């Protein structure tokens, strides 16, 4: 599928539904990127998806593997800073 198709499916499909989650919205609002930068997040996700879906892309050292590690590290960093910045884990669960 062309990358544009993935961007459309991500934006109107999965990500819109995911962002409805109060816990995810709380984390994103803490980053300041809930509204600002949404288009950049969609492009970043589409870029990662394109890299991760290529044949053999998830083999150690391959571009998709490296990109996936980068995404996981970024999410870990966001969870760390959310926990240190007053994220209400009792209300929303562990970020």
N, C-alpha and C. Protein backbone atom coordinates (compact mmCIF):
# COMPACT_ATOMS: atom_id res chain seq x y z
N UNK A 1 0.84 -1.18 0.00
CA UNK A 1 0.00 0.00 0.00
C UNK A 1 0.89 1.25 0.00
N UNK A 2 0.47 2.26 -0.72
CA UNK A 2 1.24 3.51 -0.71
C UNK A 2 1.23 4.14 0.68
N UNK A 3 2.29 4.88 1.02
CA UNK A 3 2.34 5.52 2.34
C UNK A 3 1.13 6.39 2.65
N UNK A 4 0.60 7.07 1.65
CA UNK A 4 -0.56 7.94 1.90
C UNK A 4 -1.74 7.16 2.44
N UNK A 5 -1.92 5.94 1.99
CA UNK A 5 -3.02 5.11 2.48
C UNK A 5 -2.83 4.80 3.96
N UNK A 6 -1.60 4.53 4.35
CA UNK A 6 -1.32 4.26 5.76
C UNK A 6 -1.57 5.49 6.61
N UNK A 7 -1.17 6.66 6.13
CA UNK A 7 -1.39 7.90 6.88
C UNK A 7 -2.88 8.13 7.08
N UNK A 8 -3.66 7.92 6.04
CA UNK A 8 -5.11 8.10 6.15
C UNK A 8 -5.69 7.11 7.15
N UNK A 9 -5.30 5.85 7.05
CA UNK A 9 -5.86 4.86 7.97
C UNK A 9 -5.42 5.13 9.40
N UNK A 10 -4.21 5.62 9.60
CA UNK A 10 -3.75 5.95 10.95
C UNK A 10 -4.51 7.15 11.50
N UNK A 11 -4.69 8.18 10.69
CA UNK A 11 -5.29 9.40 11.19
C UNK A 11 -6.77 9.26 11.46
N UNK A 12 -7.50 8.65 10.59
CA UNK A 12 -8.96 8.56 10.79
C UNK A 12 -9.37 7.23 11.39
N UNK A 13 -8.44 6.35 11.51
CA UNK A 13 -8.76 5.03 12.06
C UNK A 13 -8.22 4.85 13.45
N UNK A 14 -7.07 4.26 13.53
CA UNK A 14 -6.57 3.82 14.84
C UNK A 14 -6.20 4.95 15.79
N UNK A 15 -5.46 5.95 15.35
CA UNK A 15 -4.98 6.96 16.28
C UNK A 15 -6.10 7.80 16.87
N UNK A 16 -7.10 8.12 16.07
CA UNK A 16 -8.23 8.89 16.60
C UNK A 16 -8.90 8.13 17.73
N UNK A 17 -9.10 6.84 17.54
CA UNK A 17 -9.73 6.01 18.58
C UNK A 17 -8.82 5.88 19.81
N UNK A 18 -7.53 5.73 19.58
CA UNK A 18 -6.59 5.60 20.70
C UNK A 18 -6.58 6.87 21.53
N UNK A 19 -6.60 8.03 20.89
CA UNK A 19 -6.52 9.31 21.60
C UNK A 19 -7.78 9.59 22.41
N UNK A 20 -8.85 8.84 22.18
CA UNK A 20 -10.05 9.00 22.99
C UNK A 20 -9.85 8.47 24.40
N UNK A 21 -8.86 7.63 24.59
CA UNK A 21 -8.58 7.06 25.90
C UNK A 21 -8.15 8.17 26.86
N UNK A 22 -8.83 8.30 28.01
CA UNK A 22 -8.44 9.35 28.96
C UNK A 22 -6.99 9.24 29.42
N UNK A 23 -6.48 8.03 29.59
CA UNK A 23 -5.10 7.89 30.06
C UNK A 23 -4.11 8.35 29.00
N UNK A 24 -4.37 8.01 27.75
CA UNK A 24 -3.46 8.43 26.67
C UNK A 24 -3.55 9.94 26.48
N UNK A 25 -4.77 10.47 26.54
CA UNK A 25 -4.93 11.93 26.41
C UNK A 25 -4.21 12.66 27.54
N UNK A 26 -4.24 12.08 28.75
CA UNK A 26 -3.55 12.72 29.88
C UNK A 26 -2.05 12.74 29.66
N UNK A 27 -1.50 11.66 29.14
CA UNK A 27 -0.06 11.62 28.86
C UNK A 27 0.29 12.60 27.75
N UNK A 28 -0.48 12.58 26.66
CA UNK A 28 -0.19 13.49 25.54
C UNK A 28 -0.35 14.94 25.93
N UNK A 29 -1.35 15.25 26.75
CA UNK A 29 -1.51 16.65 27.16
C UNK A 29 -0.33 17.08 28.02
N UNK A 30 0.23 16.15 28.77
CA UNK A 30 1.42 16.45 29.58
C UNK A 30 2.64 16.74 28.71
N UNK A 31 2.68 16.16 27.53
CA UNK A 31 3.81 16.41 26.63
C UNK A 31 3.62 17.69 25.84
N UNK A 32 2.40 18.22 25.85
CA UNK A 32 2.10 19.40 25.05
C UNK A 32 1.86 19.07 23.59
N UNK A 33 1.73 17.77 23.26
CA UNK A 33 1.58 17.38 21.87
C UNK A 33 0.22 16.75 21.56
N UNK A 34 -0.78 16.99 22.42
CA UNK A 34 -2.09 16.42 22.17
C UNK A 34 -2.69 17.00 20.90
N UNK A 35 -2.63 18.31 20.78
CA UNK A 35 -3.16 18.98 19.57
C UNK A 35 -2.01 19.47 18.71
N UNK A 36 -1.11 20.23 19.32
CA UNK A 36 0.05 20.73 18.57
C UNK A 36 0.95 19.56 18.21
N UNK A 37 1.29 19.46 16.97
CA UNK A 37 2.19 18.41 16.52
C UNK A 37 1.51 17.11 16.15
N UNK A 38 0.16 17.10 16.10
CA UNK A 38 -0.55 15.87 15.74
C UNK A 38 -0.14 15.41 14.34
N UNK A 39 -0.01 16.35 13.42
CA UNK A 39 0.38 15.99 12.05
C UNK A 39 1.79 15.38 12.03
N UNK A 40 2.67 15.92 12.85
CA UNK A 40 4.04 15.37 12.92
C UNK A 40 4.00 13.95 13.49
N UNK A 41 3.17 13.72 14.53
CA UNK A 41 3.06 12.37 15.10
C UNK A 41 2.55 11.39 14.07
N UNK A 42 1.58 11.81 13.25
CA UNK A 42 1.06 10.93 12.19
C UNK A 42 2.15 10.59 11.18
N UNK A 43 2.92 11.60 10.78
CA UNK A 43 4.00 11.35 9.83
C UNK A 43 5.07 10.44 10.44
N UNK A 44 5.41 10.68 11.71
CA UNK A 44 6.41 9.84 12.38
C UNK A 44 5.94 8.39 12.46
N UNK A 45 4.65 8.22 12.79
CA UNK A 45 4.10 6.87 12.90
C UNK A 45 4.08 6.20 11.54
N UNK A 46 3.70 6.95 10.51
CA UNK A 46 3.68 6.38 9.16
C UNK A 46 5.08 6.01 8.70
N UNK A 47 6.07 6.84 9.04
CA UNK A 47 7.46 6.54 8.67
C UNK A 47 7.92 5.26 9.37
N UNK A 48 7.62 5.16 10.67
CA UNK A 48 8.00 3.94 11.40
C UNK A 48 7.31 2.72 10.78
N UNK A 49 6.02 2.84 10.49
CA UNK A 49 5.27 1.73 9.92
C UNK A 49 5.88 1.28 8.60
N UNK A 50 6.23 2.25 7.76
CA UNK A 50 6.84 1.91 6.48
C UNK A 50 8.17 1.19 6.65
N UNK A 51 8.94 1.60 7.65
CA UNK A 51 10.23 0.95 7.89
C UNK A 51 10.06 -0.43 8.52
N UNK A 52 9.08 -0.57 9.40
CA UNK A 52 8.91 -1.82 10.14
C UNK A 52 8.23 -2.92 9.32
N UNK A 53 7.51 -2.54 8.27
CA UNK A 53 6.76 -3.52 7.51
C UNK A 53 7.52 -4.09 6.32
N UNK A 54 8.68 -3.57 6.04
CA UNK A 54 9.47 -4.09 4.92
C UNK A 54 9.93 -5.51 5.22
N UNK A 55 10.12 -6.33 4.21
CA UNK A 55 10.63 -7.69 4.46
C UNK A 55 11.93 -7.66 5.25
N UNK A 56 12.00 -8.47 6.26
CA UNK A 56 13.18 -8.60 7.13
C UNK A 56 13.52 -7.33 7.90
N UNK A 57 12.59 -6.39 7.96
CA UNK A 57 12.84 -5.10 8.60
C UNK A 57 13.07 -5.20 10.09
N UNK A 58 12.57 -6.25 10.73
CA UNK A 58 12.69 -6.36 12.18
C UNK A 58 13.84 -7.26 12.62
N UNK A 59 14.67 -7.65 11.70
CA UNK A 59 15.88 -8.39 12.08
C UNK A 59 16.82 -7.44 12.81
N UNK A 60 17.57 -7.96 13.74
CA UNK A 60 18.49 -7.14 14.53
C UNK A 60 19.38 -6.32 13.60
N UNK A 61 19.39 -5.02 13.82
CA UNK A 61 20.22 -4.12 13.04
C UNK A 61 19.57 -3.56 11.79
N UNK A 62 18.45 -4.14 11.37
CA UNK A 62 17.75 -3.65 10.18
C UNK A 62 17.06 -2.32 10.48
N UNK A 63 16.75 -1.51 9.45
CA UNK A 63 16.12 -0.20 9.68
C UNK A 63 14.83 -0.26 10.51
N UNK A 64 13.99 -1.24 10.27
CA UNK A 64 12.75 -1.34 11.04
C UNK A 64 13.00 -1.68 12.50
N UNK A 65 14.01 -2.49 12.75
CA UNK A 65 14.40 -2.85 14.12
C UNK A 65 14.91 -1.61 14.84
N UNK A 66 15.75 -0.85 14.18
CA UNK A 66 16.31 0.36 14.78
C UNK A 66 15.20 1.38 15.02
N UNK A 67 14.31 1.56 14.06
CA UNK A 67 13.21 2.50 14.21
C UNK A 67 12.29 2.08 15.36
N UNK A 68 12.01 0.79 15.48
CA UNK A 68 11.15 0.29 16.54
C UNK A 68 11.79 0.51 17.91
N UNK A 69 13.09 0.29 18.01
CA UNK A 69 13.78 0.58 19.26
C UNK A 69 13.68 2.06 19.61
N UNK A 70 13.79 2.92 18.60
CA UNK A 70 13.67 4.36 18.84
C UNK A 70 12.29 4.73 19.35
N UNK A 71 11.25 4.13 18.78
CA UNK A 71 9.88 4.39 19.23
C UNK A 71 9.71 3.91 20.67
N UNK A 72 10.22 2.73 20.97
CA UNK A 72 10.09 2.19 22.33
C UNK A 72 10.83 3.06 23.34
N UNK A 73 12.00 3.56 22.97
CA UNK A 73 12.76 4.44 23.86
C UNK A 73 12.02 5.76 24.08
N UNK A 74 11.44 6.30 23.01
CA UNK A 74 10.69 7.54 23.14
C UNK A 74 9.49 7.35 24.06
N UNK A 75 8.77 6.22 23.91
CA UNK A 75 7.62 5.96 24.77
C UNK A 75 8.06 5.77 26.22
N UNK A 76 9.19 5.12 26.44
CA UNK A 76 9.71 4.95 27.80
C UNK A 76 10.05 6.31 28.42
N UNK A 77 10.64 7.18 27.63
CA UNK A 77 10.99 8.52 28.10
C UNK A 77 9.73 9.30 28.47
N UNK A 78 8.70 9.21 27.63
CA UNK A 78 7.44 9.91 27.92
C UNK A 78 6.80 9.36 29.20
N UNK A 79 6.82 8.02 29.36
CA UNK A 79 6.26 7.43 30.58
C UNK A 79 7.04 7.89 31.82
N UNK A 80 8.35 7.94 31.71
CA UNK A 80 9.19 8.38 32.82
C UNK A 80 8.84 9.82 33.22
N UNK A 81 8.79 10.71 32.24
CA UNK A 81 8.50 12.10 32.56
C UNK A 81 7.05 12.31 33.00
N UNK A 82 6.13 11.51 32.48
CA UNK A 82 4.74 11.60 32.94
C UNK A 82 4.66 11.24 34.42
N UNK A 83 5.35 10.19 34.80
CA UNK A 83 5.33 9.76 36.20
C UNK A 83 5.95 10.81 37.12
N UNK A 84 6.97 11.51 36.65
CA UNK A 84 7.64 12.54 37.45
C UNK A 84 6.89 13.87 37.43
N UNK A 85 5.93 14.02 36.53
CA UNK A 85 5.26 15.31 36.35
C UNK A 85 3.83 15.33 36.85
N UNK A 86 3.48 14.41 37.72
CA UNK A 86 2.16 14.45 38.31
C UNK A 86 1.08 13.66 37.59
N UNK A 87 1.45 12.79 36.68
CA UNK A 87 0.46 11.92 36.03
C UNK A 87 -0.25 11.12 37.12
N UNK A 88 -1.56 11.08 37.07
CA UNK A 88 -2.36 10.43 38.11
C UNK A 88 -2.53 8.93 37.80
N UNK A 89 -1.54 8.14 38.22
CA UNK A 89 -1.58 6.70 37.96
C UNK A 89 -2.73 6.03 38.69
N UNK A 90 -3.13 6.55 39.84
CA UNK A 90 -4.26 5.96 40.56
C UNK A 90 -5.55 6.11 39.75
N UNK A 91 -5.64 7.19 39.02
CA UNK A 91 -6.84 7.44 38.21
C UNK A 91 -6.79 6.76 36.85
N UNK A 92 -5.63 6.83 36.20
CA UNK A 92 -5.52 6.37 34.81
C UNK A 92 -4.77 5.05 34.63
N UNK A 93 -4.08 4.59 35.64
CA UNK A 93 -3.24 3.42 35.48
C UNK A 93 -1.83 3.84 35.09
N UNK A 94 -0.93 2.87 35.06
CA UNK A 94 0.45 3.17 34.72
C UNK A 94 0.54 3.62 33.27
N UNK A 95 1.21 4.76 33.02
CA UNK A 95 1.28 5.22 31.63
C UNK A 95 2.09 4.26 30.75
